[in-house]
Every structure is written in C-alpha cells, then in structure tokens.
Amino acid sequence: NAPLIYENTTPISDKAAPASPADFI
C-alpha cells in the first residue's frame, strides 16, 4: 500500500460543502 498521507480519507469532501462545522465533522 501507500504511506498514510496518500490514502487516509479525511472529512474533506470535494463534492459538497458542509452546512455547518458540526455537519463537517
């Protein structure tokens, strides 16, 4: 596999913006 930085998904989504900070998490 790849190092963690190259494959660990985060709460960042490129398809839709969050409605609020709570929604983001």
PDBML (XML) file of the C-alpha atoms, coordinates in Angstrom:
<?xml version="1.0" encoding="UTF-8" ?>
<PDBx:datablock datablockName="MODEL"
   xmlns:PDBx="http://pdbml.pdb.org/schema/pdbx-v50.xsd"
   xmlns:xsi="http://www.w3.org/2001/XMLSchema-instance"
   xsi:schemaLocation="http://pdbml.pdb.org/schema/pdbx-v50.xsd pdbx-v50.xsd">
   <PDBx:atom_siteCategory>
      <PDBx:atom_site id="1">
         <PDBx:B_iso_or_equiv>0.00</PDBx:B_iso_or_equiv>
         <PDBx:Cartn_x>0.000</PDBx:Cartn_x>
         <PDBx:Cartn_y>0.000</PDBx:Cartn_y>
         <PDBx:Cartn_z>0.000</PDBx:Cartn_z>
         <PDBx:auth_asym_id>A</PDBx:auth_asym_id>
         <PDBx:auth_atom_id>CA</PDBx:auth_atom_id>
         <PDBx:auth_comp_id>ASN</PDBx:auth_comp_id>
         <PDBx:auth_seq_id>1</PDBx:auth_seq_id>
         <PDBx:group_PDB>ATOM</PDBx:group_PDB>
         <PDBx:label_alt_id xsi:nil="true" />
         <PDBx:label_asym_id>A</PDBx:label_asym_id>
         <PDBx:label_atom_id>CA</PDBx:label_atom_id>
         <PDBx:label_comp_id>ASN</PDBx:label_comp_id>
         <PDBx:label_entity_id>1</PDBx:label_entity_id>
         <PDBx:label_seq_id>1</PDBx:label_seq_id>
         <PDBx:occupancy>1.00</PDBx:occupancy>
         <PDBx:pdbx_PDB_model_num>1</PDBx:pdbx_PDB_model_num>
         <PDBx:type_symbol>C</PDBx:type_symbol>
      </PDBx:atom_site>
      <PDBx:atom_site id="2">
         <PDBx:B_iso_or_equiv>0.00</PDBx:B_iso_or_equiv>
         <PDBx:Cartn_x>0.896</PDBx:Cartn_x>
         <PDBx:Cartn_y>3.707</PDBx:Cartn_y>
         <PDBx:Cartn_z>0.054</PDBx:Cartn_z>
         <PDBx:auth_asym_id>A</PDBx:auth_asym_id>
         <PDBx:auth_atom_id>CA</PDBx:auth_atom_id>
         <PDBx:auth_comp_id>ALA</PDBx:auth_comp_id>
         <PDBx:auth_seq_id>2</PDBx:auth_seq_id>
         <PDBx:group_PDB>ATOM</PDBx:group_PDB>
         <PDBx:label_alt_id xsi:nil="true" />
         <PDBx:label_asym_id>A</PDBx:label_asym_id>
         <PDBx:label_atom_id>CA</PDBx:label_atom_id>
         <PDBx:label_comp_id>ALA</PDBx:label_comp_id>
         <PDBx:label_entity_id>1</PDBx:label_entity_id>
         <PDBx:label_seq_id>2</PDBx:label_seq_id>
         <PDBx:occupancy>1.00</PDBx:occupancy>
         <PDBx:pdbx_PDB_model_num>1</PDBx:pdbx_PDB_model_num>
         <PDBx:type_symbol>C</PDBx:type_symbol>
      </PDBx:atom_site>
      <PDBx:atom_site id="3">
         <PDBx:B_iso_or_equiv>0.00</PDBx:B_iso_or_equiv>
         <PDBx:Cartn_x>2.002</PDBx:Cartn_x>
         <PDBx:Cartn_y>5.795</PDBx:Cartn_y>
         <PDBx:Cartn_z>3.036</PDBx:Cartn_z>
         <PDBx:auth_asym_id>A</PDBx:auth_asym_id>
         <PDBx:auth_atom_id>CA</PDBx:auth_atom_id>
         <PDBx:auth_comp_id>PRO</PDBx:auth_comp_id>
         <PDBx:auth_seq_id>3</PDBx:auth_seq_id>
         <PDBx:group_PDB>ATOM</PDBx:group_PDB>
         <PDBx:label_alt_id xsi:nil="true" />
         <PDBx:label_asym_id>A</PDBx:label_asym_id>
         <PDBx:label_atom_id>CA</PDBx:label_atom_id>
         <PDBx:label_comp_id>PRO</PDBx:label_comp_id>
         <PDBx:label_entity_id>1</PDBx:label_entity_id>
         <PDBx:label_seq_id>3</PDBx:label_seq_id>
         <PDBx:occupancy>1.00</PDBx:occupancy>
         <PDBx:pdbx_PDB_model_num>1</PDBx:pdbx_PDB_model_num>
         <PDBx:type_symbol>C</PDBx:type_symbol>
      </PDBx:atom_site>
      <PDBx:atom_site id="4">
         <PDBx:B_iso_or_equiv>0.00</PDBx:B_iso_or_equiv>
         <PDBx:Cartn_x>-0.850</PDBx:Cartn_x>
         <PDBx:Cartn_y>7.068</PDBx:Cartn_y>
         <PDBx:Cartn_z>5.202</PDBx:Cartn_z>
         <PDBx:auth_asym_id>A</PDBx:auth_asym_id>
         <PDBx:auth_atom_id>CA</PDBx:auth_atom_id>
         <PDBx:auth_comp_id>LEU</PDBx:auth_comp_id>
         <PDBx:auth_seq_id>4</PDBx:auth_seq_id>
         <PDBx:group_PDB>ATOM</PDBx:group_PDB>
         <PDBx:label_alt_id xsi:nil="true" />
         <PDBx:label_asym_id>A</PDBx:label_asym_id>
         <PDBx:label_atom_id>CA</PDBx:label_atom_id>
         <PDBx:label_comp_id>LEU</PDBx:label_comp_id>
         <PDBx:label_entity_id>1</PDBx:label_entity_id>
         <PDBx:label_seq_id>4</PDBx:label_seq_id>
         <PDBx:occupancy>1.00</PDBx:occupancy>
         <PDBx:pdbx_PDB_model_num>1</PDBx:pdbx_PDB_model_num>
         <PDBx:type_symbol>C</PDBx:type_symbol>
      </PDBx:atom_site>
      <PDBx:atom_site id="5">
         <PDBx:B_iso_or_equiv>0.00</PDBx:B_iso_or_equiv>
         <PDBx:Cartn_x>-0.762</PDBx:Cartn_x>
         <PDBx:Cartn_y>10.629</PDBx:Cartn_y>
         <PDBx:Cartn_z>3.817</PDBx:Cartn_z>
         <PDBx:auth_asym_id>A</PDBx:auth_asym_id>
         <PDBx:auth_atom_id>CA</PDBx:auth_atom_id>
         <PDBx:auth_comp_id>ILE</PDBx:auth_comp_id>
         <PDBx:auth_seq_id>5</PDBx:auth_seq_id>
         <PDBx:group_PDB>ATOM</PDBx:group_PDB>
         <PDBx:label_alt_id xsi:nil="true" />
         <PDBx:label_asym_id>A</PDBx:label_asym_id>
         <PDBx:label_atom_id>CA</PDBx:label_atom_id>
         <PDBx:label_comp_id>ILE</PDBx:label_comp_id>
         <PDBx:label_entity_id>1</PDBx:label_entity_id>
         <PDBx:label_seq_id>5</PDBx:label_seq_id>
         <PDBx:occupancy>1.00</PDBx:occupancy>
         <PDBx:pdbx_PDB_model_num>1</PDBx:pdbx_PDB_model_num>
         <PDBx:type_symbol>C</PDBx:type_symbol>
      </PDBx:atom_site>
      <PDBx:atom_site id="6">
         <PDBx:B_iso_or_equiv>0.00</PDBx:B_iso_or_equiv>
         <PDBx:Cartn_x>-1.564</PDBx:Cartn_x>
         <PDBx:Cartn_y>9.265</PDBx:Cartn_y>
         <PDBx:Cartn_z>0.320</PDBx:Cartn_z>
         <PDBx:auth_asym_id>A</PDBx:auth_asym_id>
         <PDBx:auth_atom_id>CA</PDBx:auth_atom_id>
         <PDBx:auth_comp_id>TYR</PDBx:auth_comp_id>
         <PDBx:auth_seq_id>6</PDBx:auth_seq_id>
         <PDBx:group_PDB>ATOM</PDBx:group_PDB>
         <PDBx:label_alt_id xsi:nil="true" />
         <PDBx:label_asym_id>A</PDBx:label_asym_id>
         <PDBx:label_atom_id>CA</PDBx:label_atom_id>
         <PDBx:label_comp_id>TYR</PDBx:label_comp_id>
         <PDBx:label_entity_id>1</PDBx:label_entity_id>
         <PDBx:label_seq_id>6</PDBx:label_seq_id>
         <PDBx:occupancy>1.00</PDBx:occupancy>
         <PDBx:pdbx_PDB_model_num>1</PDBx:pdbx_PDB_model_num>
         <PDBx:type_symbol>C</PDBx:type_symbol>
      </PDBx:atom_site>
      <PDBx:atom_site id="7">
         <PDBx:B_iso_or_equiv>0.00</PDBx:B_iso_or_equiv>
         <PDBx:Cartn_x>-4.555</PDBx:Cartn_x>
         <PDBx:Cartn_y>7.116</PDBx:Cartn_y>
         <PDBx:Cartn_z>1.272</PDBx:Cartn_z>
         <PDBx:auth_asym_id>A</PDBx:auth_asym_id>
         <PDBx:auth_atom_id>CA</PDBx:auth_atom_id>
         <PDBx:auth_comp_id>GLU</PDBx:auth_comp_id>
         <PDBx:auth_seq_id>7</PDBx:auth_seq_id>
         <PDBx:group_PDB>ATOM</PDBx:group_PDB>
         <PDBx:label_alt_id xsi:nil="true" />
         <PDBx:label_asym_id>A</PDBx:label_asym_id>
         <PDBx:label_atom_id>CA</PDBx:label_atom_id>
         <PDBx:label_comp_id>GLU</PDBx:label_comp_id>
         <PDBx:label_entity_id>1</PDBx:label_entity_id>
         <PDBx:label_seq_id>7</PDBx:label_seq_id>
         <PDBx:occupancy>1.00</PDBx:occupancy>
         <PDBx:pdbx_PDB_model_num>1</PDBx:pdbx_PDB_model_num>
         <PDBx:type_symbol>C</PDBx:type_symbol>
      </PDBx:atom_site>
      <PDBx:atom_site id="8">
         <PDBx:B_iso_or_equiv>0.00</PDBx:B_iso_or_equiv>
         <PDBx:Cartn_x>-6.163</PDBx:Cartn_x>
         <PDBx:Cartn_y>8.151</PDBx:Cartn_y>
         <PDBx:Cartn_z>4.564</PDBx:Cartn_z>
         <PDBx:auth_asym_id>A</PDBx:auth_asym_id>
         <PDBx:auth_atom_id>CA</PDBx:auth_atom_id>
         <PDBx:auth_comp_id>ASN</PDBx:auth_comp_id>
         <PDBx:auth_seq_id>8</PDBx:auth_seq_id>
         <PDBx:group_PDB>ATOM</PDBx:group_PDB>
         <PDBx:label_alt_id xsi:nil="true" />
         <PDBx:label_asym_id>A</PDBx:label_asym_id>
         <PDBx:label_atom_id>CA</PDBx:label_atom_id>
         <PDBx:label_comp_id>ASN</PDBx:label_comp_id>
         <PDBx:label_entity_id>1</PDBx:label_entity_id>
         <PDBx:label_seq_id>8</PDBx:label_seq_id>
         <PDBx:occupancy>1.00</PDBx:occupancy>
         <PDBx:pdbx_PDB_model_num>1</PDBx:pdbx_PDB_model_num>
         <PDBx:type_symbol>C</PDBx:type_symbol>
      </PDBx:atom_site>
      <PDBx:atom_site id="9">
         <PDBx:B_iso_or_equiv>0.00</PDBx:B_iso_or_equiv>
         <PDBx:Cartn_x>-9.529</PDBx:Cartn_x>
         <PDBx:Cartn_y>9.759</PDBx:Cartn_y>
         <PDBx:Cartn_z>3.828</PDBx:Cartn_z>
         <PDBx:auth_asym_id>A</PDBx:auth_asym_id>
         <PDBx:auth_atom_id>CA</PDBx:auth_atom_id>
         <PDBx:auth_comp_id>THR</PDBx:auth_comp_id>
         <PDBx:auth_seq_id>9</PDBx:auth_seq_id>
         <PDBx:group_PDB>ATOM</PDBx:group_PDB>
         <PDBx:label_alt_id xsi:nil="true" />
         <PDBx:label_asym_id>A</PDBx:label_asym_id>
         <PDBx:label_atom_id>CA</PDBx:label_atom_id>
         <PDBx:label_comp_id>THR</PDBx:label_comp_id>
         <PDBx:label_entity_id>1</PDBx:label_entity_id>
         <PDBx:label_seq_id>9</PDBx:label_seq_id>
         <PDBx:occupancy>1.00</PDBx:occupancy>
         <PDBx:pdbx_PDB_model_num>1</PDBx:pdbx_PDB_model_num>
         <PDBx:type_symbol>C</PDBx:type_symbol>
      </PDBx:atom_site>
      <PDBx:atom_site id="10">
         <PDBx:B_iso_or_equiv>0.00</PDBx:B_iso_or_equiv>
         <PDBx:Cartn_x>-10.390</PDBx:Cartn_x>
         <PDBx:Cartn_y>12.835</PDBx:Cartn_y>
         <PDBx:Cartn_z>5.895</PDBx:Cartn_z>
         <PDBx:auth_asym_id>A</PDBx:auth_asym_id>
         <PDBx:auth_atom_id>CA</PDBx:auth_atom_id>
         <PDBx:auth_comp_id>THR</PDBx:auth_comp_id>
         <PDBx:auth_seq_id>10</PDBx:auth_seq_id>
         <PDBx:group_PDB>ATOM</PDBx:group_PDB>
         <PDBx:label_alt_id xsi:nil="true" />
         <PDBx:label_asym_id>A</PDBx:label_asym_id>
         <PDBx:label_atom_id>CA</PDBx:label_atom_id>
         <PDBx:label_comp_id>THR</PDBx:label_comp_id>
         <PDBx:label_entity_id>1</PDBx:label_entity_id>
         <PDBx:label_seq_id>10</PDBx:label_seq_id>
         <PDBx:occupancy>1.00</PDBx:occupancy>
         <PDBx:pdbx_PDB_model_num>1</PDBx:pdbx_PDB_model_num>
         <PDBx:type_symbol>C</PDBx:type_symbol>
      </PDBx:atom_site>
      <PDBx:atom_site id="11">
         <PDBx:B_iso_or_equiv>0.00</PDBx:B_iso_or_equiv>
         <PDBx:Cartn_x>-13.684</PDBx:Cartn_x>
         <PDBx:Cartn_y>14.750</PDBx:Cartn_y>
         <PDBx:Cartn_z>6.472</PDBx:Cartn_z>
         <PDBx:auth_asym_id>A</PDBx:auth_asym_id>
         <PDBx:auth_atom_id>CA</PDBx:auth_atom_id>
         <PDBx:auth_comp_id>PRO</PDBx:auth_comp_id>
         <PDBx:auth_seq_id>11</PDBx:auth_seq_id>
         <PDBx:group_PDB>ATOM</PDBx:group_PDB>
         <PDBx:label_alt_id xsi:nil="true" />
         <PDBx:label_asym_id>A</PDBx:label_asym_id>
         <PDBx:label_atom_id>CA</PDBx:label_atom_id>
         <PDBx:label_comp_id>PRO</PDBx:label_comp_id>
         <PDBx:label_entity_id>1</PDBx:label_entity_id>
         <PDBx:label_seq_id>11</PDBx:label_seq_id>
         <PDBx:occupancy>1.00</PDBx:occupancy>
         <PDBx:pdbx_PDB_model_num>1</PDBx:pdbx_PDB_model_num>
         <PDBx:type_symbol>C</PDBx:type_symbol>
      </PDBx:atom_site>
      <PDBx:atom_site id="12">
         <PDBx:B_iso_or_equiv>0.00</PDBx:B_iso_or_equiv>
         <PDBx:Cartn_x>-12.787</PDBx:Cartn_x>
         <PDBx:Cartn_y>16.833</PDBx:Cartn_y>
         <PDBx:Cartn_z>3.391</PDBx:Cartn_z>
         <PDBx:auth_asym_id>A</PDBx:auth_asym_id>
         <PDBx:auth_atom_id>CA</PDBx:auth_atom_id>
         <PDBx:auth_comp_id>ILE</PDBx:auth_comp_id>
         <PDBx:auth_seq_id>12</PDBx:auth_seq_id>
         <PDBx:group_PDB>ATOM</PDBx:group_PDB>
         <PDBx:label_alt_id xsi:nil="true" />
         <PDBx:label_asym_id>A</PDBx:label_asym_id>
         <PDBx:label_atom_id>CA</PDBx:label_atom_id>
         <PDBx:label_comp_id>ILE</PDBx:label_comp_id>
         <PDBx:label_entity_id>1</PDBx:label_entity_id>
         <PDBx:label_seq_id>12</PDBx:label_seq_id>
         <PDBx:occupancy>1.00</PDBx:occupancy>
         <PDBx:pdbx_PDB_model_num>1</PDBx:pdbx_PDB_model_num>
         <PDBx:type_symbol>C</PDBx:type_symbol>
      </PDBx:atom_site>
      <PDBx:atom_site id="13">
         <PDBx:B_iso_or_equiv>0.00</PDBx:B_iso_or_equiv>
         <PDBx:Cartn_x>-15.236</PDBx:Cartn_x>
         <PDBx:Cartn_y>16.231</PDBx:Cartn_y>
         <PDBx:Cartn_z>0.539</PDBx:Cartn_z>
         <PDBx:auth_asym_id>A</PDBx:auth_asym_id>
         <PDBx:auth_atom_id>CA</PDBx:auth_atom_id>
         <PDBx:auth_comp_id>SER</PDBx:auth_comp_id>
         <PDBx:auth_seq_id>13</PDBx:auth_seq_id>
         <PDBx:group_PDB>ATOM</PDBx:group_PDB>
         <PDBx:label_alt_id xsi:nil="true" />
         <PDBx:label_asym_id>A</PDBx:label_asym_id>
         <PDBx:label_atom_id>CA</PDBx:label_atom_id>
         <PDBx:label_comp_id>SER</PDBx:label_comp_id>
         <PDBx:label_entity_id>1</PDBx:label_entity_id>
         <PDBx:label_seq_id>13</PDBx:label_seq_id>
         <PDBx:occupancy>1.00</PDBx:occupancy>
         <PDBx:pdbx_PDB_model_num>1</PDBx:pdbx_PDB_model_num>
         <PDBx:type_symbol>C</PDBx:type_symbol>
      </PDBx:atom_site>
      <PDBx:atom_site id="14">
         <PDBx:B_iso_or_equiv>0.00</PDBx:B_iso_or_equiv>
         <PDBx:Cartn_x>-14.707</PDBx:Cartn_x>
         <PDBx:Cartn_y>17.662</PDBx:Cartn_y>
         <PDBx:Cartn_z>-2.943</PDBx:Cartn_z>
         <PDBx:auth_asym_id>A</PDBx:auth_asym_id>
         <PDBx:auth_atom_id>CA</PDBx:auth_atom_id>
         <PDBx:auth_comp_id>ASP</PDBx:auth_comp_id>
         <PDBx:auth_seq_id>14</PDBx:auth_seq_id>
         <PDBx:group_PDB>ATOM</PDBx:group_PDB>
         <PDBx:label_alt_id xsi:nil="true" />
         <PDBx:label_asym_id>A</PDBx:label_asym_id>
         <PDBx:label_atom_id>CA</PDBx:label_atom_id>
         <PDBx:label_comp_id>ASP</PDBx:label_comp_id>
         <PDBx:label_entity_id>1</PDBx:label_entity_id>
         <PDBx:label_seq_id>14</PDBx:label_seq_id>
         <PDBx:occupancy>1.00</PDBx:occupancy>
         <PDBx:pdbx_PDB_model_num>1</PDBx:pdbx_PDB_model_num>
         <PDBx:type_symbol>C</PDBx:type_symbol>
      </PDBx:atom_site>
      <PDBx:atom_site id="15">
         <PDBx:B_iso_or_equiv>0.00</PDBx:B_iso_or_equiv>
         <PDBx:Cartn_x>-18.340</PDBx:Cartn_x>
         <PDBx:Cartn_y>17.049</PDBx:Cartn_y>
         <PDBx:Cartn_z>-3.967</PDBx:Cartn_z>
         <PDBx:auth_asym_id>A</PDBx:auth_asym_id>
         <PDBx:auth_atom_id>CA</PDBx:auth_atom_id>
         <PDBx:auth_comp_id>LYS</PDBx:auth_comp_id>
         <PDBx:auth_seq_id>15</PDBx:auth_seq_id>
         <PDBx:group_PDB>ATOM</PDBx:group_PDB>
         <PDBx:label_alt_id xsi:nil="true" />
         <PDBx:label_asym_id>A</PDBx:label_asym_id>
         <PDBx:label_atom_id>CA</PDBx:label_atom_id>
         <PDBx:label_comp_id>LYS</PDBx:label_comp_id>
         <PDBx:label_entity_id>1</PDBx:label_entity_id>
         <PDBx:label_seq_id>15</PDBx:label_seq_id>
         <PDBx:occupancy>1.00</PDBx:occupancy>
         <PDBx:pdbx_PDB_model_num>1</PDBx:pdbx_PDB_model_num>
         <PDBx:type_symbol>C</PDBx:type_symbol>
      </PDBx:atom_site>
      <PDBx:atom_site id="16">
         <PDBx:B_iso_or_equiv>0.00</PDBx:B_iso_or_equiv>
         <PDBx:Cartn_x>-20.290</PDBx:Cartn_x>
         <PDBx:Cartn_y>19.207</PDBx:Cartn_y>
         <PDBx:Cartn_z>-1.482</PDBx:Cartn_z>
         <PDBx:auth_asym_id>A</PDBx:auth_asym_id>
         <PDBx:auth_atom_id>CA</PDBx:auth_atom_id>
         <PDBx:auth_comp_id>ALA</PDBx:auth_comp_id>
         <PDBx:auth_seq_id>16</PDBx:auth_seq_id>
         <PDBx:group_PDB>ATOM</PDBx:group_PDB>
         <PDBx:label_alt_id xsi:nil="true" />
         <PDBx:label_asym_id>A</PDBx:label_asym_id>
         <PDBx:label_atom_id>CA</PDBx:label_atom_id>
         <PDBx:label_comp_id>ALA</PDBx:label_comp_id>
         <PDBx:label_entity_id>1</PDBx:label_entity_id>
         <PDBx:label_seq_id>16</PDBx:label_seq_id>
         <PDBx:occupancy>1.00</PDBx:occupancy>
         <PDBx:pdbx_PDB_model_num>1</PDBx:pdbx_PDB_model_num>
         <PDBx:type_symbol>C</PDBx:type_symbol>
      </PDBx:atom_site>
      <PDBx:atom_site id="17">
         <PDBx:B_iso_or_equiv>0.00</PDBx:B_iso_or_equiv>
         <PDBx:Cartn_x>-19.597</PDBx:Cartn_x>
         <PDBx:Cartn_y>21.906</PDBx:Cartn_y>
         <PDBx:Cartn_z>1.081</PDBx:Cartn_z>
         <PDBx:auth_asym_id>A</PDBx:auth_asym_id>
         <PDBx:auth_atom_id>CA</PDBx:auth_atom_id>
         <PDBx:auth_comp_id>ALA</PDBx:auth_comp_id>
         <PDBx:auth_seq_id>17</PDBx:auth_seq_id>
         <PDBx:group_PDB>ATOM</PDBx:group_PDB>
         <PDBx:label_alt_id xsi:nil="true" />
         <PDBx:label_asym_id>A</PDBx:label_asym_id>
         <PDBx:label_atom_id>CA</PDBx:label_atom_id>
         <PDBx:label_comp_id>ALA</PDBx:label_comp_id>
         <PDBx:label_entity_id>1</PDBx:label_entity_id>
         <PDBx:label_seq_id>17</PDBx:label_seq_id>
         <PDBx:occupancy>1.00</PDBx:occupancy>
         <PDBx:pdbx_PDB_model_num>1</PDBx:pdbx_PDB_model_num>
         <PDBx:type_symbol>C</PDBx:type_symbol>
      </PDBx:atom_site>
      <PDBx:atom_site id="18">
         <PDBx:B_iso_or_equiv>0.00</PDBx:B_iso_or_equiv>
         <PDBx:Cartn_x>-20.667</PDBx:Cartn_x>
         <PDBx:Cartn_y>21.316</PDBx:Cartn_y>
         <PDBx:Cartn_z>4.700</PDBx:Cartn_z>
         <PDBx:auth_asym_id>A</PDBx:auth_asym_id>
         <PDBx:auth_atom_id>CA</PDBx:auth_atom_id>
         <PDBx:auth_comp_id>PRO</PDBx:auth_comp_id>
         <PDBx:auth_seq_id>18</PDBx:auth_seq_id>
         <PDBx:group_PDB>ATOM</PDBx:group_PDB>
         <PDBx:label_alt_id xsi:nil="true" />
         <PDBx:label_asym_id>A</PDBx:label_asym_id>
         <PDBx:label_atom_id>CA</PDBx:label_atom_id>
         <PDBx:label_comp_id>PRO</PDBx:label_comp_id>
         <PDBx:label_entity_id>1</PDBx:label_entity_id>
         <PDBx:label_seq_id>18</PDBx:label_seq_id>
         <PDBx:occupancy>1.00</PDBx:occupancy>
         <PDBx:pdbx_PDB_model_num>1</PDBx:pdbx_PDB_model_num>
         <PDBx:type_symbol>C</PDBx:type_symbol>
      </PDBx:atom_site>
      <PDBx:atom_site id="19">
         <PDBx:B_iso_or_equiv>0.00</PDBx:B_iso_or_equiv>
         <PDBx:Cartn_x>-23.734</PDBx:Cartn_x>
         <PDBx:Cartn_y>23.112</PDBx:Cartn_y>
         <PDBx:Cartn_z>6.030</PDBx:Cartn_z>
         <PDBx:auth_asym_id>A</PDBx:auth_asym_id>
         <PDBx:auth_atom_id>CA</PDBx:auth_atom_id>
         <PDBx:auth_comp_id>ALA</PDBx:auth_comp_id>
         <PDBx:auth_seq_id>19</PDBx:auth_seq_id>
         <PDBx:group_PDB>ATOM</PDBx:group_PDB>
         <PDBx:label_alt_id xsi:nil="true" />
         <PDBx:label_asym_id>A</PDBx:label_asym_id>
         <PDBx:label_atom_id>CA</PDBx:label_atom_id>
         <PDBx:label_comp_id>ALA</PDBx:label_comp_id>
         <PDBx:label_entity_id>1</PDBx:label_entity_id>
         <PDBx:label_seq_id>19</PDBx:label_seq_id>
         <PDBx:occupancy>1.00</PDBx:occupancy>
         <PDBx:pdbx_PDB_model_num>1</PDBx:pdbx_PDB_model_num>
         <PDBx:type_symbol>C</PDBx:type_symbol>
      </PDBx:atom_site>
      <PDBx:atom_site id="20">
         <PDBx:B_iso_or_equiv>0.00</PDBx:B_iso_or_equiv>
         <PDBx:Cartn_x>-22.047</PDBx:Cartn_x>
         <PDBx:Cartn_y>23.910</PDBx:Cartn_y>
         <PDBx:Cartn_z>9.355</PDBx:Cartn_z>
         <PDBx:auth_asym_id>A</PDBx:auth_asym_id>
         <PDBx:auth_atom_id>CA</PDBx:auth_atom_id>
         <PDBx:auth_comp_id>SER</PDBx:auth_comp_id>
         <PDBx:auth_seq_id>20</PDBx:auth_seq_id>
         <PDBx:group_PDB>ATOM</PDBx:group_PDB>
         <PDBx:label_alt_id xsi:nil="true" />
         <PDBx:label_asym_id>A</PDBx:label_asym_id>
         <PDBx:label_atom_id>CA</PDBx:label_atom_id>
         <PDBx:label_comp_id>SER</PDBx:label_comp_id>
         <PDBx:label_entity_id>1</PDBx:label_entity_id>
         <PDBx:label_seq_id>20</PDBx:label_seq_id>
         <PDBx:occupancy>1.00</PDBx:occupancy>
         <PDBx:pdbx_PDB_model_num>1</PDBx:pdbx_PDB_model_num>
         <PDBx:type_symbol>C</PDBx:type_symbol>
      </PDBx:atom_site>
      <PDBx:atom_site id="21">
         <PDBx:B_iso_or_equiv>0.00</PDBx:B_iso_or_equiv>
         <PDBx:Cartn_x>-18.953</PDBx:Cartn_x>
         <PDBx:Cartn_y>22.971</PDBx:Cartn_y>
         <PDBx:Cartn_z>11.417</PDBx:Cartn_z>
         <PDBx:auth_asym_id>A</PDBx:auth_asym_id>
         <PDBx:auth_atom_id>CA</PDBx:auth_atom_id>
         <PDBx:auth_comp_id>PRO</PDBx:auth_comp_id>
         <PDBx:auth_seq_id>21</PDBx:auth_seq_id>
         <PDBx:group_PDB>ATOM</PDBx:group_PDB>
         <PDBx:label_alt_id xsi:nil="true" />
         <PDBx:label_asym_id>A</PDBx:label_asym_id>
         <PDBx:label_atom_id>CA</PDBx:label_atom_id>
         <PDBx:label_comp_id>PRO</PDBx:label_comp_id>
         <PDBx:label_entity_id>1</PDBx:label_entity_id>
         <PDBx:label_seq_id>21</PDBx:label_seq_id>
         <PDBx:occupancy>1.00</PDBx:occupancy>
         <PDBx:pdbx_PDB_model_num>1</PDBx:pdbx_PDB_model_num>
         <PDBx:type_symbol>C</PDBx:type_symbol>
      </PDBx:atom_site>
      <PDBx:atom_site id="22">
         <PDBx:B_iso_or_equiv>0.00</PDBx:B_iso_or_equiv>
         <PDBx:Cartn_x>-20.956</PDBx:Cartn_x>
         <PDBx:Cartn_y>20.205</PDBx:Cartn_y>
         <PDBx:Cartn_z>13.128</PDBx:Cartn_z>
         <PDBx:auth_asym_id>A</PDBx:auth_asym_id>
         <PDBx:auth_atom_id>CA</PDBx:auth_atom_id>
         <PDBx:auth_comp_id>ALA</PDBx:auth_comp_id>
         <PDBx:auth_seq_id>22</PDBx:auth_seq_id>
         <PDBx:group_PDB>ATOM</PDBx:group_PDB>
         <PDBx:label_alt_id xsi:nil="true" />
         <PDBx:label_asym_id>A</PDBx:label_asym_id>
         <PDBx:label_atom_id>CA</PDBx:label_atom_id>
         <PDBx:label_comp_id>ALA</PDBx:label_comp_id>
         <PDBx:label_entity_id>1</PDBx:label_entity_id>
         <PDBx:label_seq_id>22</PDBx:label_seq_id>
         <PDBx:occupancy>1.00</PDBx:occupancy>
         <PDBx:pdbx_PDB_model_num>1</PDBx:pdbx_PDB_model_num>
         <PDBx:type_symbol>C</PDBx:type_symbol>
      </PDBx:atom_site>
      <PDBx:atom_site id="23">
         <PDBx:B_iso_or_equiv>0.00</PDBx:B_iso_or_equiv>
         <PDBx:Cartn_x>-22.053</PDBx:Cartn_x>
         <PDBx:Cartn_y>18.850</PDBx:Cartn_y>
         <PDBx:Cartn_z>9.760</PDBx:Cartn_z>
         <PDBx:auth_asym_id>A</PDBx:auth_asym_id>
         <PDBx:auth_atom_id>CA</PDBx:auth_atom_id>
         <PDBx:auth_comp_id>ASP</PDBx:auth_comp_id>
         <PDBx:auth_seq_id>23</PDBx:auth_seq_id>
         <PDBx:group_PDB>ATOM</PDBx:group_PDB>
         <PDBx:label_alt_id xsi:nil="true" />
         <PDBx:label_asym_id>A</PDBx:label_asym_id>
         <PDBx:label_atom_id>CA</PDBx:label_atom_id>
         <PDBx:label_comp_id>ASP</PDBx:label_comp_id>
         <PDBx:label_entity_id>1</PDBx:label_entity_id>
         <PDBx:label_seq_id>23</PDBx:label_seq_id>
         <PDBx:occupancy>1.00</PDBx:occupancy>
         <PDBx:pdbx_PDB_model_num>1</PDBx:pdbx_PDB_model_num>
         <PDBx:type_symbol>C</PDBx:type_symbol>
      </PDBx:atom_site>
      <PDBx:atom_site id="24">
         <PDBx:B_iso_or_equiv>0.00</PDBx:B_iso_or_equiv>
         <PDBx:Cartn_x>-18.429</PDBx:Cartn_x>
         <PDBx:Cartn_y>18.949</PDBx:Cartn_y>
         <PDBx:Cartn_z>8.590</PDBx:Cartn_z>
         <PDBx:auth_asym_id>A</PDBx:auth_asym_id>
         <PDBx:auth_atom_id>CA</PDBx:auth_atom_id>
         <PDBx:auth_comp_id>PHE</PDBx:auth_comp_id>
         <PDBx:auth_seq_id>24</PDBx:auth_seq_id>
         <PDBx:group_PDB>ATOM</PDBx:group_PDB>
         <PDBx:label_alt_id xsi:nil="true" />
         <PDBx:label_asym_id>A</PDBx:label_asym_id>
         <PDBx:label_atom_id>CA</PDBx:label_atom_id>
         <PDBx:label_comp_id>PHE</PDBx:label_comp_id>
         <PDBx:label_entity_id>1</PDBx:label_entity_id>
         <PDBx:label_seq_id>24</PDBx:label_seq_id>
         <PDBx:occupancy>1.00</PDBx:occupancy>
         <PDBx:pdbx_PDB_model_num>1</PDBx:pdbx_PDB_model_num>
         <PDBx:type_symbol>C</PDBx:type_symbol>
      </PDBx:atom_site>
      <PDBx:atom_site id="25">
         <PDBx:B_iso_or_equiv>0.00</PDBx:B_iso_or_equiv>
         <PDBx:Cartn_x>-17.392</PDBx:Cartn_x>
         <PDBx:Cartn_y>16.550</PDBx:Cartn_y>
         <PDBx:Cartn_z>11.358</PDBx:Cartn_z>
         <PDBx:auth_asym_id>A</PDBx:auth_asym_id>
         <PDBx:auth_atom_id>CA</PDBx:auth_atom_id>
         <PDBx:auth_comp_id>ILE</PDBx:auth_comp_id>
         <PDBx:auth_seq_id>25</PDBx:auth_seq_id>
         <PDBx:group_PDB>ATOM</PDBx:group_PDB>
         <PDBx:label_alt_id xsi:nil="true" />
         <PDBx:label_asym_id>A</PDBx:label_asym_id>
         <PDBx:label_atom_id>CA</PDBx:label_atom_id>
         <PDBx:label_comp_id>ILE</PDBx:label_comp_id>
         <PDBx:label_entity_id>1</PDBx:label_entity_id>
         <PDBx:label_seq_id>25</PDBx:label_seq_id>
         <PDBx:occupancy>1.00</PDBx:occupancy>
         <PDBx:pdbx_PDB_model_num>1</PDBx:pdbx_PDB_model_num>
         <PDBx:type_symbol>C</PDBx:type_symbol>
      </PDBx:atom_site>
   </PDBx:atom_siteCategory>
</PDBx:datablock>
